[in-house]
Amino acid sequence: MKQFFVATKLDKDSEAQRTTLTVDFEGCPVEVLQHLATQHLVVRLQGAWRKSGSIPAAFTAKVAEYGAGSRMAGPVNIEAAIGALSAEDKKKLLEKLMNEVE
């Protein structure tokens, strides 16, 4: 068994209520754990893709890379990343790229 403390708000304006959650894995088949992990991974990946502005047509996720404390890295949308730069930073990037071409 593993114990966690969870803070939950009823809505965005409410104060968080603390719950002591005890999770009992005894007798749980591996298939159930894989299903739960997959559900969680899908939600995290979808969030990362939405944030990056790019949803891939295909993606392979190595579950071991998404352990506790890891950050979700979605595919990089180059145009969106460049669009977020200031005019000055865009100019510096362009100069750097032009120097690399020469």
Protein backbone atom coordinates (compact mmCIF):
# COMPACT_ATOMS: atom_id res chain seq x y z
CA MET A 1 0.00 0.00 0.00
CA LYS A 2 1.09 3.51 -0.70
CA GLN A 3 -0.24 6.67 0.91
CA PHE A 4 -0.56 10.07 -0.76
CA PHE A 5 -1.94 13.45 0.19
CA VAL A 6 -4.23 14.93 -2.46
CA ALA A 7 -5.51 18.52 -2.57
CA THR A 8 -8.79 18.91 -4.48
CA LYS A 9 -10.87 21.98 -5.27
CA LEU A 10 -14.60 21.70 -5.98
CA ASP A 11 -14.12 24.46 -8.56
CA LYS A 12 -11.45 27.01 -9.51
CA ASP A 13 -12.64 29.49 -6.87
CA SER A 14 -12.82 27.02 -3.96
CA GLU A 15 -10.22 26.31 -1.33
CA ALA A 16 -8.44 23.01 -1.75
CA GLN A 17 -9.54 20.21 0.56
CA ARG A 18 -6.90 17.71 1.65
CA THR A 19 -7.54 13.99 1.36
CA THR A 20 -5.30 11.19 2.61
CA LEU A 21 -5.44 8.63 -0.19
CA THR A 22 -4.26 5.09 0.42
CA VAL A 23 -3.71 3.06 -2.75
CA ASP A 24 -3.73 -0.72 -2.34
CA PHE A 25 -2.11 -2.56 -5.26
CA GLU A 26 -2.45 -6.03 -3.71
CA GLY A 27 -3.99 -8.51 -6.13
CA CYS A 28 -4.05 -6.01 -8.97
CA PRO A 29 -3.18 -7.65 -12.30
CA VAL A 30 -0.48 -6.06 -14.44
CA GLU A 31 -3.04 -5.50 -17.20
CA VAL A 32 -5.08 -3.20 -14.93
CA LEU A 33 -1.97 -1.20 -14.00
CA GLN A 34 -1.02 -0.90 -17.67
CA HIS A 35 -4.53 0.30 -18.52
CA LEU A 36 -4.44 2.95 -15.78
CA ALA A 37 -0.94 4.07 -16.78
CA THR A 38 -2.02 4.32 -20.41
CA GLN A 39 -5.03 6.48 -19.50
CA HIS A 40 -2.79 8.83 -17.53
CA LEU A 41 -0.15 8.95 -20.26
CA VAL A 42 -2.72 9.76 -22.96
CA VAL A 43 -4.07 12.71 -20.95
CA ARG A 44 -0.54 14.05 -20.31
CA LEU A 45 0.47 13.68 -23.95
CA GLN A 46 -2.69 15.37 -25.22
CA GLY A 47 -2.00 18.30 -22.89
CA ALA A 48 1.59 18.59 -24.12
CA TRP A 49 0.49 18.45 -27.77
CA ARG A 50 -2.15 21.13 -27.23
CA LYS A 51 0.40 23.33 -25.46
CA SER A 52 2.94 22.91 -28.27
CA GLY A 53 0.32 23.59 -30.94
CA SER A 54 1.27 20.46 -32.85
CA ILE A 55 -0.54 17.12 -32.75
CA PRO A 56 1.47 14.31 -34.36
CA ALA A 57 -0.03 11.82 -36.80
CA ALA A 58 1.91 9.04 -35.04
CA PHE A 59 3.83 8.93 -31.77
CA THR A 60 5.64 6.23 -29.79
CA ALA A 61 5.80 6.77 -26.04
CA LYS A 62 8.36 4.88 -23.98
CA VAL A 63 6.56 4.65 -20.64
CA ALA A 64 9.81 4.46 -18.66
CA GLU A 65 10.62 8.03 -19.79
CA TYR A 66 7.45 9.43 -18.21
CA GLY A 67 7.98 8.58 -14.56
CA ALA A 68 7.14 10.80 -11.62
CA GLY A 69 8.73 14.21 -11.89
CA SER A 70 9.33 14.01 -15.63
CA ARG A 71 8.13 16.75 -17.94
CA MET A 72 6.10 16.03 -21.01
CA ALA A 73 7.91 16.96 -24.17
CA GLY A 74 5.60 17.32 -27.09
CA PRO A 75 6.70 17.63 -30.67
CA VAL A 76 8.32 20.97 -31.42
CA ASN A 77 6.34 23.28 -33.69
CA ILE A 78 9.13 25.40 -35.21
CA GLU A 79 6.80 28.04 -36.64
CA ALA A 80 5.03 28.50 -33.30
CA ALA A 81 8.36 28.68 -31.46
CA ILE A 82 9.71 31.32 -33.85
CA GLY A 83 6.42 33.20 -33.71
CA ALA A 84 6.79 33.51 -29.94
CA LEU A 85 10.18 35.26 -30.28
CA SER A 86 10.56 39.01 -30.07
CA ALA A 87 11.51 40.90 -33.25
CA GLU A 88 15.04 41.34 -31.87
CA ASP A 89 15.42 37.63 -31.09
CA LYS A 90 14.10 36.72 -34.55
CA LYS A 91 16.74 38.99 -36.10
CA LYS A 92 19.50 37.37 -34.02
CA LEU A 93 18.30 33.89 -34.96
CA LEU A 94 18.17 34.79 -38.64
CA GLU A 95 21.70 36.20 -38.51
CA LYS A 96 22.95 33.08 -36.75
CA LEU A 97 21.30 30.82 -39.33
CA MET A 98 22.67 32.84 -42.22
CA ASN A 99 26.20 32.60 -40.76
CA GLU A 100 25.85 28.82 -40.53
CA VAL A 101 24.82 28.57 -44.20
CA GLU A 102 27.92 30.39 -45.43
